[in-house]
Amino acid sequence: MTERTAPGSKAQAIAAEVRRRIVDREWRQGDRIPDEAELAIEFGVARATVNKALQLLAEEGLLDRKRRAGTHVTVNPARKATLTIPIVREQIEGAGMEYSHRLIDQRSHPLPPEVAARMGLPEGAALIRLRTVHYGDARPFQSEDRWINPVAAPGAEATDFQRINANEWLVRNFPWSRGDMIFSAENADARDARLLGTRQGTALLILHRTTWNDLGPITSVRLAFHPGYRLIATP
């Protein structure tokens, strides 16, 4: 940063660096970050510029700022975003059902053209592909066909997704800066019918969702919901 840089640009640059540290988990959820005076010295700017940068991140939901208690990385920050990505386990348990999931397949796999286009990555790039079914009281609730980019979600390759489902792991560990969602209705193909315990040709609600952070696309997932699923939007 130079003295010719506009204050607003300086604040944006500091916000981007702090956001990167949170995304890279250099500063983890619940951690107290250095105070404004320390950051002002580190970045070579006025304390007011640091204050503006941290306030931007607080408005995004990434930082929790309290007088005298300091500034902490928000716990589960993505849930404060305008578009909330639900944790499916919480949805199922909130409906009074016992949650479980089954990881059907996990492997490194080349991106097909349609997923590469959604994520903005080269066709054929090797990403982690997972197929999972989520259950409520041992009945299929939704299936997911998910691609994870280990560049934007480091640690994915070493994570035991039999123990924790990818949806919950990603939401809790990787704040996202933007996302795309596409809803559609499709007739269940043979695989959907088998995984969701329904008949082939049954109408299903389908959601394609892709999220990004400063390191690139995090994940793209196709969710197929069991017949009768009701989407309830909240403001």
Protein backbone atom coordinates (compact mmCIF):
# COMPACT_ATOMS: atom_id res chain seq x y z
CA MET A 1 0.00 0.00 0.00
CA THR A 2 1.33 3.47 -0.84
CA GLU A 3 0.42 6.87 0.51
CA ARG A 4 -1.21 7.65 -2.86
CA THR A 5 -3.77 4.87 -2.35
CA ALA A 6 -7.21 6.24 -1.51
CA PRO A 7 -8.40 5.50 2.04
CA GLY A 8 -11.36 3.53 0.76
CA SER A 9 -9.09 1.40 -1.39
CA LYS A 10 -6.79 0.81 1.59
CA ALA A 11 -9.71 -0.35 3.71
CA GLN A 12 -10.89 -2.69 0.94
CA ALA A 13 -7.39 -4.14 0.60
CA ILE A 14 -7.13 -4.73 4.35
CA ALA A 15 -10.60 -6.30 4.39
CA ALA A 16 -9.57 -8.64 1.57
CA GLU A 17 -6.46 -9.74 3.47
CA VAL A 18 -8.35 -10.30 6.73
CA ARG A 19 -11.03 -12.22 4.81
CA ARG A 20 -8.29 -14.39 3.27
CA ARG A 21 -6.88 -15.21 6.71
CA ILE A 22 -10.34 -16.27 7.87
CA VAL A 23 -10.97 -18.34 4.73
CA ASP A 24 -7.53 -19.99 5.02
CA ARG A 25 -8.25 -20.61 8.72
CA GLU A 26 -5.17 -18.74 9.86
CA TRP A 27 -7.73 -17.10 12.14
CA ARG A 28 -10.35 -19.68 13.11
CA GLN A 29 -13.93 -19.31 14.24
CA GLY A 30 -14.05 -17.81 17.72
CA ASP A 31 -10.44 -16.52 17.60
CA ARG A 32 -9.75 -12.99 18.78
CA ILE A 33 -7.88 -11.13 16.06
CA PRO A 34 -5.17 -8.49 16.67
CA ASP A 35 -6.51 -5.13 17.80
CA GLU A 36 -6.81 -2.11 15.52
CA ALA A 37 -3.56 -0.54 16.69
CA GLU A 38 -1.57 -3.71 15.90
CA LEU A 39 -3.16 -4.05 12.48
CA ALA A 40 -2.59 -0.37 11.72
CA ILE A 41 1.14 -0.90 12.34
CA GLU A 42 1.19 -4.13 10.30
CA PHE A 43 -0.50 -2.54 7.28
CA GLY A 44 1.11 0.89 7.64
CA VAL A 45 -2.18 2.79 7.74
CA ALA A 46 -4.19 4.94 10.13
CA ARG A 47 -6.22 3.16 12.80
CA ALA A 48 -9.40 4.66 11.31
CA THR A 49 -8.68 2.82 8.04
CA VAL A 50 -8.38 -0.47 9.91
CA ASN A 51 -11.62 0.29 11.75
CA LYS A 52 -13.39 0.82 8.42
CA ALA A 53 -12.01 -2.46 7.03
CA LEU A 54 -13.10 -4.47 10.08
CA GLN A 55 -16.51 -2.85 10.03
CA LEU A 56 -16.97 -4.00 6.41
CA LEU A 57 -16.28 -7.58 7.51
CA ALA A 58 -18.56 -7.23 10.52
CA GLU A 59 -21.36 -6.18 8.15
CA GLU A 60 -20.64 -9.29 6.07
CA GLY A 61 -21.04 -11.38 9.20
CA LEU A 62 -17.42 -12.58 9.31
CA LEU A 63 -16.38 -10.62 12.43
CA ASP A 64 -18.07 -10.06 15.76
CA ARG A 65 -17.05 -6.71 17.30
CA LYS A 66 -17.80 -5.85 20.92
CA ARG A 67 -16.53 -2.94 22.97
CA ARG A 68 -13.88 -4.04 25.47
CA ALA A 69 -14.16 -7.68 24.37
CA GLY A 70 -12.29 -7.06 21.11
CA THR A 71 -12.96 -8.43 17.64
CA HIS A 72 -13.49 -12.15 17.10
CA VAL A 73 -14.01 -14.32 14.03
CA THR A 74 -17.71 -15.10 13.97
CA VAL A 75 -18.73 -18.66 14.78
CA ASN A 76 -20.51 -20.18 11.77
CA PRO A 77 -20.25 -16.88 9.82
CA ALA A 78 -21.95 -18.05 6.61
CA ARG A 79 -25.24 -18.31 8.47
CA LYS A 80 -25.34 -14.52 8.84
CA ALA A 81 -25.23 -13.97 5.10
CA THR A 82 -28.27 -12.84 3.17
CA LEU A 83 -28.48 -16.23 1.48
CA THR A 84 -28.36 -18.87 4.21
CA ILE A 85 -27.07 -22.30 3.34
CA PRO A 86 -28.89 -24.66 5.70
CA ILE A 87 -27.17 -27.48 7.54
CA VAL A 88 -29.28 -30.45 6.52
CA ARG A 89 -28.67 -32.27 9.81
CA GLU A 90 -30.21 -29.32 11.67
CA GLN A 91 -33.17 -29.24 9.26
CA ILE A 92 -33.92 -32.91 9.87
CA GLU A 93 -33.43 -32.77 13.63
CA GLY A 94 -35.49 -29.57 13.78
CA ALA A 95 -38.34 -31.53 12.21
CA GLY A 96 -38.14 -34.01 15.09
CA MET A 97 -36.43 -36.78 13.14
CA GLU A 98 -33.22 -38.67 13.79
CA TYR A 99 -30.52 -37.68 11.32
CA SER A 100 -28.11 -39.98 9.51
CA HIS A 101 -26.23 -39.91 6.22
CA ARG A 102 -24.55 -42.36 3.88
CA LEU A 103 -21.52 -41.53 1.76
CA ILE A 104 -21.97 -43.55 -1.40
CA ASP A 105 -18.87 -42.52 -3.28
CA GLN A 106 -15.86 -40.22 -2.91
CA ARG A 107 -13.10 -39.84 -5.48
CA SER A 108 -11.02 -37.42 -7.50
CA HIS A 109 -12.79 -36.98 -10.82
CA PRO A 110 -12.48 -34.72 -13.90
CA LEU A 111 -15.08 -31.96 -14.15
CA PRO A 112 -17.76 -32.50 -16.80
CA PRO A 113 -18.55 -29.52 -19.06
CA GLU A 114 -21.76 -28.40 -17.33
CA VAL A 115 -20.19 -28.35 -13.83
CA ALA A 116 -17.00 -26.69 -15.13
CA ALA A 117 -19.17 -23.93 -16.63
CA ARG A 118 -21.02 -23.36 -13.35
CA MET A 119 -17.79 -23.19 -11.35
CA GLY A 120 -15.76 -21.24 -13.92
CA LEU A 121 -13.03 -23.88 -13.98
CA PRO A 122 -11.42 -25.70 -16.91
CA GLU A 123 -13.26 -28.74 -18.20
CA GLY A 124 -11.47 -31.87 -17.03
CA ALA A 125 -9.92 -30.27 -13.93
CA ALA A 126 -9.65 -32.86 -11.15
CA LEU A 127 -11.92 -32.09 -8.17
CA ILE A 128 -13.31 -34.16 -5.32
CA ARG A 129 -16.68 -35.69 -6.16
CA LEU A 130 -18.97 -37.02 -3.44
CA ARG A 131 -22.38 -38.67 -3.62
CA THR A 132 -24.34 -38.64 -0.37
CA VAL A 133 -27.85 -39.41 0.86
CA HIS A 134 -29.27 -37.72 3.97
CA TYR A 135 -31.92 -39.51 6.03
CA GLY A 136 -34.58 -38.56 8.55
CA ASP A 137 -35.71 -41.50 10.72
CA ALA A 138 -33.90 -43.78 8.25
CA ARG A 139 -36.00 -42.50 5.32
CA PRO A 140 -34.35 -40.64 2.41
CA PHE A 141 -34.63 -36.87 2.78
CA GLN A 142 -32.34 -35.60 0.03
CA SER A 143 -29.47 -36.78 -2.13
CA GLU A 144 -26.51 -34.71 -3.20
CA ASP A 145 -23.98 -34.95 -5.99
CA ARG A 146 -21.22 -32.60 -4.87
CA TRP A 147 -17.94 -31.30 -6.31
CA ILE A 148 -15.40 -29.75 -3.90
CA ASN A 149 -12.47 -27.62 -5.02
CA PRO A 150 -9.58 -28.36 -2.59
CA VAL A 151 -7.88 -25.10 -3.56
CA ALA A 152 -10.75 -23.09 -2.04
CA ALA A 153 -11.55 -25.69 0.63
CA PRO A 154 -8.16 -26.94 1.86
CA GLY A 155 -8.29 -30.08 3.97
CA ALA A 156 -11.15 -31.64 2.01
CA GLU A 157 -9.00 -34.48 0.73
CA ALA A 158 -8.09 -35.56 4.28
CA THR A 159 -11.57 -35.14 5.81
CA ASP A 160 -13.60 -38.19 6.82
CA PHE A 161 -16.95 -37.47 5.18
CA GLN A 162 -18.32 -40.70 6.59
CA ARG A 163 -18.12 -39.03 10.01
CA ILE A 164 -19.25 -35.49 9.10
CA ASN A 165 -21.25 -34.76 5.98
CA ALA A 166 -19.73 -32.39 3.42
CA ASN A 167 -22.60 -29.89 3.70
CA GLU A 168 -22.00 -29.28 7.40
CA TRP A 169 -18.20 -29.34 7.10
CA LEU A 170 -18.20 -26.71 4.35
CA VAL A 171 -20.74 -24.39 5.98
CA ARG A 172 -18.88 -24.44 9.30
CA ASN A 173 -15.37 -24.04 7.90
CA PHE A 174 -15.50 -22.01 4.69
CA PRO A 175 -17.29 -18.65 4.62
CA TRP A 176 -18.43 -17.83 1.12
CA SER A 177 -18.55 -14.43 -0.51
CA ARG A 178 -21.08 -15.17 -3.27
CA GLY A 179 -23.29 -17.97 -4.48
CA ASP A 180 -25.56 -19.00 -7.34
CA MET A 181 -28.72 -21.08 -6.98
CA ILE A 182 -30.88 -22.60 -9.71
CA PHE A 183 -34.15 -24.37 -8.84
CA SER A 184 -35.88 -26.70 -11.26
CA ALA A 185 -38.27 -29.62 -11.40
CA GLU A 186 -37.05 -32.85 -12.93
CA ASN A 187 -38.44 -36.34 -13.29
CA ALA A 188 -36.47 -38.82 -11.21
CA ASP A 189 -34.05 -40.86 -13.27
CA ALA A 190 -33.08 -44.38 -12.24
CA ARG A 191 -30.38 -43.16 -9.85
CA ASP A 192 -32.58 -40.50 -8.19
CA ALA A 193 -35.37 -43.05 -7.78
CA ARG A 194 -33.04 -45.60 -6.20
CA LEU A 195 -31.40 -43.15 -3.80
CA LEU A 196 -34.61 -41.42 -2.73
CA GLY A 197 -36.74 -44.55 -2.54
CA THR A 198 -39.28 -43.38 -5.09
CA ARG A 199 -40.44 -44.34 -8.57
CA GLN A 200 -38.58 -43.43 -11.72
CA GLY A 201 -40.34 -40.51 -13.41
CA THR A 202 -41.59 -38.97 -10.15
CA ALA A 203 -41.36 -35.16 -10.14
CA LEU A 204 -38.57 -33.91 -7.88
CA LEU A 205 -37.42 -30.50 -6.70
CA ILE A 206 -33.79 -29.99 -7.79
CA LEU A 207 -31.37 -27.34 -6.57
CA HIS A 208 -28.01 -26.56 -8.19
CA ARG A 209 -25.93 -24.40 -5.85
CA THR A 210 -22.39 -23.07 -6.34
CA THR A 211 -20.43 -20.95 -3.86
CA TRP A 212 -17.18 -18.97 -4.07
CA ASN A 213 -14.65 -17.39 -1.73
CA ASP A 214 -11.54 -15.33 -2.44
CA LEU A 215 -9.66 -18.47 -3.50
CA GLY A 216 -12.20 -19.43 -6.16
CA PRO A 217 -15.21 -21.76 -6.39
CA ILE A 218 -15.64 -23.75 -3.18
CA THR A 219 -18.25 -26.30 -4.17
CA SER A 220 -21.01 -27.02 -6.65
CA VAL A 221 -23.78 -29.40 -5.66
CA ARG A 222 -26.93 -30.88 -7.16
CA LEU A 223 -29.53 -31.55 -4.47
CA ALA A 224 -32.50 -33.78 -5.22
CA PHE A 225 -35.26 -33.63 -2.60
CA HIS A 226 -37.62 -36.45 -1.69
CA PRO A 227 -41.15 -36.03 -3.11
CA GLY A 228 -43.24 -33.92 -0.76
CA TYR A 229 -40.35 -31.70 0.33
CA ARG A 230 -41.53 -28.16 1.01
CA LEU A 231 -39.17 -25.20 0.57
CA ILE A 232 -39.96 -22.50 3.12
CA ALA A 233 -38.24 -19.17 2.47
CA THR A 234 -37.57 -16.79 5.34
CA PRO A 235 -36.65 -13.11 5.06
